[in-house]
PDB file of all heavy atoms in Angstrom:
ATOM      1  N   LEU A   1       7.989 -25.301  -8.861  1.00  0.00           N
ATOM      2  CA  LEU A   1       9.238 -24.558  -8.839  1.00  0.00           C
ATOM      3  C   LEU A   1      10.062 -24.988  -7.643  1.00  0.00           C
ATOM      4  O   LEU A   1       9.541 -25.365  -6.588  1.00  0.00           O
ATOM      5  CB  LEU A   1       8.964 -23.057  -8.761  1.00  0.00           C
ATOM      6  CG  LEU A   1       8.138 -22.450  -9.890  1.00  0.00           C
ATOM      7  CD1 LEU A   1       7.904 -20.980  -9.637  1.00  0.00           C
ATOM      8  CD2 LEU A   1       8.832 -22.650 -11.238  1.00  0.00           C
ATOM      9  N   THR A   2      11.361 -24.910  -7.824  1.00  0.00           N
ATOM     10  CA  THR A   2      12.256 -25.178  -6.707  1.00  0.00           C
ATOM     11  C   THR A   2      12.292 -23.961  -5.774  1.00  0.00           C
ATOM     12  O   THR A   2      11.764 -22.892  -6.096  1.00  0.00           O
ATOM     13  CB  THR A   2      13.656 -25.484  -7.228  1.00  0.00           C
ATOM     14  OG1 THR A   2      14.154 -24.330  -7.932  1.00  0.00           O
ATOM     15  CG2 THR A   2      13.636 -26.682  -8.167  1.00  0.00           C
ATOM     16  N   ALA A   3      12.921 -24.151  -4.640  1.00  0.00           N
ATOM     17  CA  ALA A   3      13.004 -23.052  -3.672  1.00  0.00           C
ATOM     18  C   ALA A   3      13.782 -21.875  -4.247  1.00  0.00           C
ATOM     19  O   ALA A   3      13.425 -20.709  -4.044  1.00  0.00           O
ATOM     20  CB  ALA A   3      13.671 -23.549  -2.385  1.00  0.00           C
ATOM     21  N   LYS A   4      14.847 -22.157  -5.011  1.00  0.00           N
ATOM     22  CA  LYS A   4      15.639 -21.089  -5.616  1.00  0.00           C
ATOM     23  C   LYS A   4      14.830 -20.341  -6.659  1.00  0.00           C
ATOM     24  O   LYS A   4      14.864 -19.106  -6.730  1.00  0.00           O
ATOM     25  CB  LYS A   4      16.900 -21.679  -6.227  1.00  0.00           C
ATOM     26  CG  LYS A   4      17.838 -20.641  -6.817  1.00  0.00           C
ATOM     27  CD  LYS A   4      19.098 -21.280  -7.360  1.00  0.00           C
ATOM     28  CE  LYS A   4      20.037 -20.226  -7.935  1.00  0.00           C
ATOM     29  NZ  LYS A   4      21.275 -20.835  -8.482  1.00  0.00           N
ATOM     30  N   GLU A   5      14.076 -21.098  -7.476  1.00  0.00           N
ATOM     31  CA  GLU A   5      13.242 -20.445  -8.496  1.00  0.00           C
ATOM     32  C   GLU A   5      12.139 -19.616  -7.860  1.00  0.00           C
ATOM     33  O   GLU A   5      11.809 -18.527  -8.349  1.00  0.00           O
ATOM     34  CB  GLU A   5      12.647 -21.513  -9.422  1.00  0.00           C
ATOM     35  CG  GLU A   5      13.681 -22.201 -10.299  1.00  0.00           C
ATOM     36  CD  GLU A   5      13.081 -23.329 -11.107  1.00  0.00           C
ATOM     37  OE1 GLU A   5      11.940 -23.745 -10.792  1.00  0.00           O
ATOM     38  OE2 GLU A   5      13.734 -23.786 -12.050  1.00  0.00           O
ATOM     39  N   LYS A   6      11.549 -20.120  -6.768  1.00  0.00           N
ATOM     40  CA  LYS A   6      10.522 -19.336  -6.067  1.00  0.00           C
ATOM     41  C   LYS A   6      11.101 -18.037  -5.526  1.00  0.00           C
ATOM     42  O   LYS A   6      10.469 -16.982  -5.615  1.00  0.00           O
ATOM     43  CB  LYS A   6       9.938 -20.160  -4.927  1.00  0.00           C
ATOM     44  CG  LYS A   6       9.044 -21.310  -5.380  1.00  0.00           C
ATOM     45  CD  LYS A   6       8.481 -22.046  -4.166  1.00  0.00           C
ATOM     46  CE  LYS A   6       7.577 -23.198  -4.604  1.00  0.00           C
ATOM     47  NZ  LYS A   6       7.037 -23.939  -3.439  1.00  0.00           N
ATOM     48  N   LYS A   7      12.312 -18.107  -4.979  1.00  0.00           N
ATOM     49  CA  LYS A   7      12.944 -16.907  -4.445  1.00  0.00           C
ATOM     50  C   LYS A   7      13.232 -15.903  -5.553  1.00  0.00           C
ATOM     51  O   LYS A   7      12.980 -14.702  -5.408  1.00  0.00           O
ATOM     52  CB  LYS A   7      14.228 -17.283  -3.716  1.00  0.00           C
ATOM     53  CG  LYS A   7      14.901 -16.114  -3.015  1.00  0.00           C
ATOM     54  CD  LYS A   7      16.109 -16.574  -2.239  1.00  0.00           C
ATOM     55  CE  LYS A   7      16.752 -15.399  -1.517  1.00  0.00           C
ATOM     56  NZ  LYS A   7      17.953 -15.838  -0.737  1.00  0.00           N
ATOM     57  N   GLN A   8      13.744 -16.392  -6.692  1.00  0.00           N
ATOM     58  CA  GLN A   8      14.026 -15.492  -7.815  1.00  0.00           C
ATOM     59  C   GLN A   8      12.746 -14.857  -8.352  1.00  0.00           C
ATOM     60  O   GLN A   8      12.710 -13.671  -8.669  1.00  0.00           O
ATOM     61  CB  GLN A   8      14.743 -16.269  -8.916  1.00  0.00           C
ATOM     62  CG  GLN A   8      16.149 -16.694  -8.553  1.00  0.00           C
ATOM     63  CD  GLN A   8      16.809 -17.495  -9.658  1.00  0.00           C
ATOM     64  OE1 GLN A   8      16.170 -17.850 -10.649  1.00  0.00           O
ATOM     65  NE2 GLN A   8      18.099 -17.810  -9.480  1.00  0.00           N
ATOM     66  N   ARG A   9      11.679 -15.674  -8.433  1.00  0.00           N
ATOM     67  CA  ARG A   9      10.421 -15.121  -8.923  1.00  0.00           C
ATOM     68  C   ARG A   9       9.868 -14.081  -7.950  1.00  0.00           C
ATOM     69  O   ARG A   9       9.332 -13.048  -8.372  1.00  0.00           O
ATOM     70  CB  ARG A   9       9.416 -16.247  -9.136  1.00  0.00           C
ATOM     71  CG  ARG A   9       8.044 -15.754  -9.592  1.00  0.00           C
ATOM     72  CD  ARG A   9       7.177 -16.862 -10.132  1.00  0.00           C
ATOM     73  NE  ARG A   9       7.693 -17.369 -11.407  1.00  0.00           N
ATOM     74  CZ  ARG A   9       7.054 -18.248 -12.165  1.00  0.00           C
ATOM     75  NH1 ARG A   9       5.893 -18.743 -11.758  1.00  0.00           N
ATOM     76  NH2 ARG A   9       7.577 -18.648 -13.290  1.00  0.00           N
ATOM     77  N   SER A  10       9.977 -14.344  -6.653  1.00  0.00           N
ATOM     78  CA  SER A  10       9.501 -13.374  -5.664  1.00  0.00           C
ATOM     79  C   SER A  10      10.263 -12.060  -5.777  1.00  0.00           C
ATOM     80  O   SER A  10       9.679 -10.973  -5.711  1.00  0.00           O
ATOM     81  CB  SER A  10       9.634 -13.947  -4.256  1.00  0.00           C
ATOM     82  OG  SER A  10       8.858 -15.118  -4.110  1.00  0.00           O
ATOM     83  N   LEU A  11      11.576 -12.144  -5.974  1.00  0.00           N
ATOM     84  CA  LEU A  11      12.372 -10.923  -6.128  1.00  0.00           C
ATOM     85  C   LEU A  11      11.979 -10.162  -7.387  1.00  0.00           C
ATOM     86  O   LEU A  11      11.901  -8.926  -7.394  1.00  0.00           O
ATOM     87  CB  LEU A  11      13.861 -11.279  -6.162  1.00  0.00           C
ATOM     88  CG  LEU A  11      14.455 -11.826  -4.856  1.00  0.00           C
ATOM     89  CD1 LEU A  11      15.907 -12.249  -5.066  1.00  0.00           C
ATOM     90  CD2 LEU A  11      14.365 -10.794  -3.755  1.00  0.00           C
ATOM     91  N   GLU A  12      11.729 -10.896  -8.468  1.00  0.00           N
ATOM     92  CA  GLU A  12      11.335 -10.240  -9.717  1.00  0.00           C
ATOM     93  C   GLU A  12       9.973  -9.584  -9.586  1.00  0.00           C
ATOM     94  O   GLU A  12       9.758  -8.465 -10.065  1.00  0.00           O
ATOM     95  CB  GLU A  12      11.330 -11.263 -10.849  1.00  0.00           C
ATOM     96  CG  GLU A  12      11.102 -10.640 -12.233  1.00  0.00           C
ATOM     97  CD  GLU A  12      11.236 -11.663 -13.343  1.00  0.00           C
ATOM     98  OE1 GLU A  12      11.542 -12.833 -13.036  1.00  0.00           O
ATOM     99  OE2 GLU A  12      11.033 -11.279 -14.506  1.00  0.00           O
ATOM    100  N   ILE A  13       9.038 -10.274  -8.915  1.00  0.00           N
ATOM    101  CA  ILE A  13       7.710  -9.687  -8.705  1.00  0.00           C
ATOM    102  C   ILE A  13       7.815  -8.437  -7.841  1.00  0.00           C
ATOM    103  O   ILE A  13       7.173  -7.415  -8.108  1.00  0.00           O
ATOM    104  CB  ILE A  13       6.767 -10.733  -8.068  1.00  0.00           C
ATOM    105  CG1 ILE A  13       6.467 -11.853  -9.075  1.00  0.00           C
ATOM    106  CG2 ILE A  13       5.469 -10.081  -7.606  1.00  0.00           C
ATOM    107  CD1 ILE A  13       5.644 -12.989  -8.487  1.00  0.00           C
ATOM    108  N   GLU A  14       8.646  -8.493  -6.784  1.00  0.00           N
ATOM    109  CA  GLU A  14       8.833  -7.331  -5.911  1.00  0.00           C
ATOM    110  C   GLU A  14       9.445  -6.168  -6.684  1.00  0.00           C
ATOM    111  O   GLU A  14       9.066  -5.005  -6.479  1.00  0.00           O
ATOM    112  CB  GLU A  14       9.740  -7.716  -4.746  1.00  0.00           C
ATOM    113  CG  GLU A  14       9.956  -6.616  -3.728  1.00  0.00           C
ATOM    114  CD  GLU A  14       8.691  -6.267  -2.978  1.00  0.00           C
ATOM    115  OE1 GLU A  14       7.801  -7.146  -2.873  1.00  0.00           O
ATOM    116  OE2 GLU A  14       8.586  -5.112  -2.520  1.00  0.00           O
ATOM    117  N   LYS A  15      10.361  -6.456  -7.583  1.00  0.00           N
ATOM    118  CA  LYS A  15      10.976  -5.403  -8.394  1.00  0.00           C
ATOM    119  C   LYS A  15       9.957  -4.757  -9.324  1.00  0.00           C
ATOM    120  O   LYS A  15       9.964  -3.537  -9.532  1.00  0.00           O
ATOM    121  CB  LYS A  15      12.136  -6.006  -9.193  1.00  0.00           C
ATOM    122  CG  LYS A  15      12.913  -4.993 -10.014  1.00  0.00           C
ATOM    123  CD  LYS A  15      14.064  -5.665 -10.729  1.00  0.00           C
ATOM    124  CE  LYS A  15      14.852  -4.656 -11.565  1.00  0.00           C
ATOM    125  NZ  LYS A  15      15.962  -5.309 -12.304  1.00  0.00           N
ATOM    126  N   ILE A  16       9.065  -5.556  -9.881  1.00  0.00           N
ATOM    127  CA  ILE A  16       8.044  -5.010 -10.786  1.00  0.00           C
ATOM    128  C   ILE A  16       7.041  -4.165 -10.004  1.00  0.00           C
ATOM    129  O   ILE A  16       6.664  -3.066 -10.429  1.00  0.00           O
ATOM    130  CB  ILE A  16       7.338  -6.158 -11.529  1.00  0.00           C
ATOM    131  CG1 ILE A  16       8.320  -6.867 -12.467  1.00  0.00           C
ATOM    132  CG2 ILE A  16       6.146  -5.639 -12.318  1.00  0.00           C
ATOM    133  CD1 ILE A  16       7.776  -8.133 -13.079  1.00  0.00           C
ATOM    134  N   ILE A  17       6.620  -4.649  -8.829  1.00  0.00           N
ATOM    135  CA  ILE A  17       5.626  -3.913  -8.038  1.00  0.00           C
ATOM    136  C   ILE A  17       6.196  -2.586  -7.546  1.00  0.00           C
ATOM    137  O   ILE A  17       5.468  -1.590  -7.420  1.00  0.00           O
ATOM    138  CB  ILE A  17       5.147  -4.789  -6.865  1.00  0.00           C
ATOM    139  CG1 ILE A  17       4.301  -5.955  -7.398  1.00  0.00           C
ATOM    140  CG2 ILE A  17       4.333  -3.983  -5.860  1.00  0.00           C
ATOM    141  CD1 ILE A  17       3.787  -6.886  -6.335  1.00  0.00           C
ATOM    142  N   SER A  18       7.493  -2.536  -7.279  1.00  0.00           N
ATOM    143  CA  SER A  18       8.100  -1.286  -6.820  1.00  0.00           C
ATOM    144  C   SER A  18       8.050  -0.190  -7.876  1.00  0.00           C
ATOM    145  O   SER A  18       8.222   0.982  -7.556  1.00  0.00           O
ATOM    146  CB  SER A  18       9.550  -1.539  -6.403  1.00  0.00           C
ATOM    147  OG  SER A  18      10.316  -1.977  -7.515  1.00  0.00           O
ATOM    148  N   CYS A  19       7.825  -0.559  -9.140  1.00  0.00           N
ATOM    149  CA  CYS A  19       7.740   0.421 -10.223  1.00  0.00           C
ATOM    150  C   CYS A  19       6.304   0.863 -10.483  1.00  0.00           C
ATOM    151  O   CYS A  19       6.074   1.731 -11.339  1.00  0.00           O
ATOM    152  CB  CYS A  19       8.334  -0.144 -11.509  1.00  0.00           C
ATOM    153  SG  CYS A  19      10.061  -0.648 -11.371  1.00  0.00           S
ATOM    154  N   LEU A  20       5.334   0.266  -9.798  1.00  0.00           N
ATOM    155  CA  LEU A  20       3.930   0.575 -10.028  1.00  0.00           C
ATOM    156  C   LEU A  20       3.471   1.705  -9.119  1.00  0.00           C
ATOM    157  O   LEU A  20       4.201   2.118  -8.213  1.00  0.00           O
ATOM    158  CB  LEU A  20       3.091  -0.686  -9.782  1.00  0.00           C
ATOM    159  CG  LEU A  20       3.386  -1.868 -10.719  1.00  0.00           C
ATOM    160  CD1 LEU A  20       2.542  -3.066 -10.334  1.00  0.00           C
ATOM    161  CD2 LEU A  20       3.149  -1.495 -12.178  1.00  0.00           C
ATOM    162  N   PRO A  21       2.267   2.243  -9.325  1.00  0.00           N
ATOM    163  CA  PRO A  21       1.758   3.310  -8.451  1.00  0.00           C
ATOM    164  C   PRO A  21       1.667   2.877  -6.998  1.00  0.00           C
ATOM    165  O   PRO A  21       1.765   1.693  -6.658  1.00  0.00           O
ATOM    166  CB  PRO A  21       0.369   3.610  -9.041  1.00  0.00           C
ATOM    167  CG  PRO A  21       0.476   3.205 -10.477  1.00  0.00           C
ATOM    168  CD  PRO A  21       1.396   2.030 -10.493  1.00  0.00           C
ATOM    169  N   LEU A  22       1.459   3.874  -6.107  1.00  0.00           N
ATOM    170  CA  LEU A  22       1.508   3.645  -4.668  1.00  0.00           C
ATOM    171  C   LEU A  22       0.445   2.662  -4.203  1.00  0.00           C
ATOM    172  O   LEU A  22       0.696   1.862  -3.299  1.00  0.00           O
ATOM    173  CB  LEU A  22       1.331   4.977  -3.929  1.00  0.00           C
ATOM    174  CG  LEU A  22       1.337   4.920  -2.401  1.00  0.00           C
ATOM    175  CD1 LEU A  22       2.660   4.368  -1.903  1.00  0.00           C
ATOM    176  CD2 LEU A  22       1.074   6.296  -1.815  1.00  0.00           C
ATOM    177  N   GLU A  23      -0.754   2.671  -4.807  1.00  0.00           N
ATOM    178  CA  GLU A  23      -1.818   1.797  -4.330  1.00  0.00           C
ATOM    179  C   GLU A  23      -1.472   0.323  -4.521  1.00  0.00           C
ATOM    180  O   GLU A  23      -1.973  -0.540  -3.792  1.00  0.00           O
ATOM    181  CB  GLU A  23      -3.117   2.122  -5.062  1.00  0.00           C
ATOM    182  CG  GLU A  23      -3.007   2.013  -6.584  1.00  0.00           C
ATOM    183  CD  GLU A  23      -4.315   2.346  -7.264  1.00  0.00           C
ATOM    184  OE1 GLU A  23      -5.353   2.320  -6.582  1.00  0.00           O
ATOM    185  OE2 GLU A  23      -4.313   2.646  -8.484  1.00  0.00           O
ATOM    186  N   PHE A  24      -0.587   0.008  -5.480  1.00  0.00           N
ATOM    187  CA  PHE A  24      -0.169  -1.372  -5.689  1.00  0.00           C
ATOM    188  C   PHE A  24       1.062  -1.741  -4.861  1.00  0.00           C
ATOM    189  O   PHE A  24       1.399  -2.912  -4.756  1.00  0.00           O
ATOM    190  CB  PHE A  24       0.151  -1.614  -7.174  1.00  0.00           C
ATOM    191  CG  PHE A  24      -1.024  -1.425  -8.078  1.00  0.00           C
ATOM    192  CD1 PHE A  24      -1.199  -0.238  -8.772  1.00  0.00           C
ATOM    193  CD2 PHE A  24      -1.983  -2.415  -8.227  1.00  0.00           C
ATOM    194  CE1 PHE A  24      -2.277  -0.054  -9.614  1.00  0.00           C
ATOM    195  CE2 PHE A  24      -3.062  -2.240  -9.067  1.00  0.00           C
ATOM    196  CZ  PHE A  24      -3.216  -1.061  -9.756  1.00  0.00           C
ATOM    197  N   ARG A  25       1.735  -0.735  -4.263  1.00  0.00           N
ATOM    198  CA  ARG A  25       2.963  -1.009  -3.519  1.00  0.00           C
ATOM    199  C   ARG A  25       2.727  -1.222  -2.039  1.00  0.00           C
ATOM    200  O   ARG A  25       3.680  -1.337  -1.291  1.00  0.00           O
ATOM    201  CB  ARG A  25       3.957   0.141  -3.707  1.00  0.00           C
ATOM    202  CG  ARG A  25       4.395   0.364  -5.135  1.00  0.00           C
ATOM    203  CD  ARG A  25       5.694   1.135  -5.191  1.00  0.00           C
ATOM    204  NE  ARG A  25       5.649   2.386  -4.485  1.00  0.00           N
ATOM    205  CZ  ARG A  25       5.372   3.552  -5.046  1.00  0.00           C
ATOM    206  NH1 ARG A  25       5.087   3.608  -6.342  1.00  0.00           N
ATOM    207  NH2 ARG A  25       5.348   4.655  -4.336  1.00  0.00           N
TER     208      ARG A  25
END
């Protein structure tokens, strides 16, 4: 992945984890 794609994927992963229970956040 390029640096831009890595950044977008990291943001998407962070957005998904923020919706999970506290032990995963």
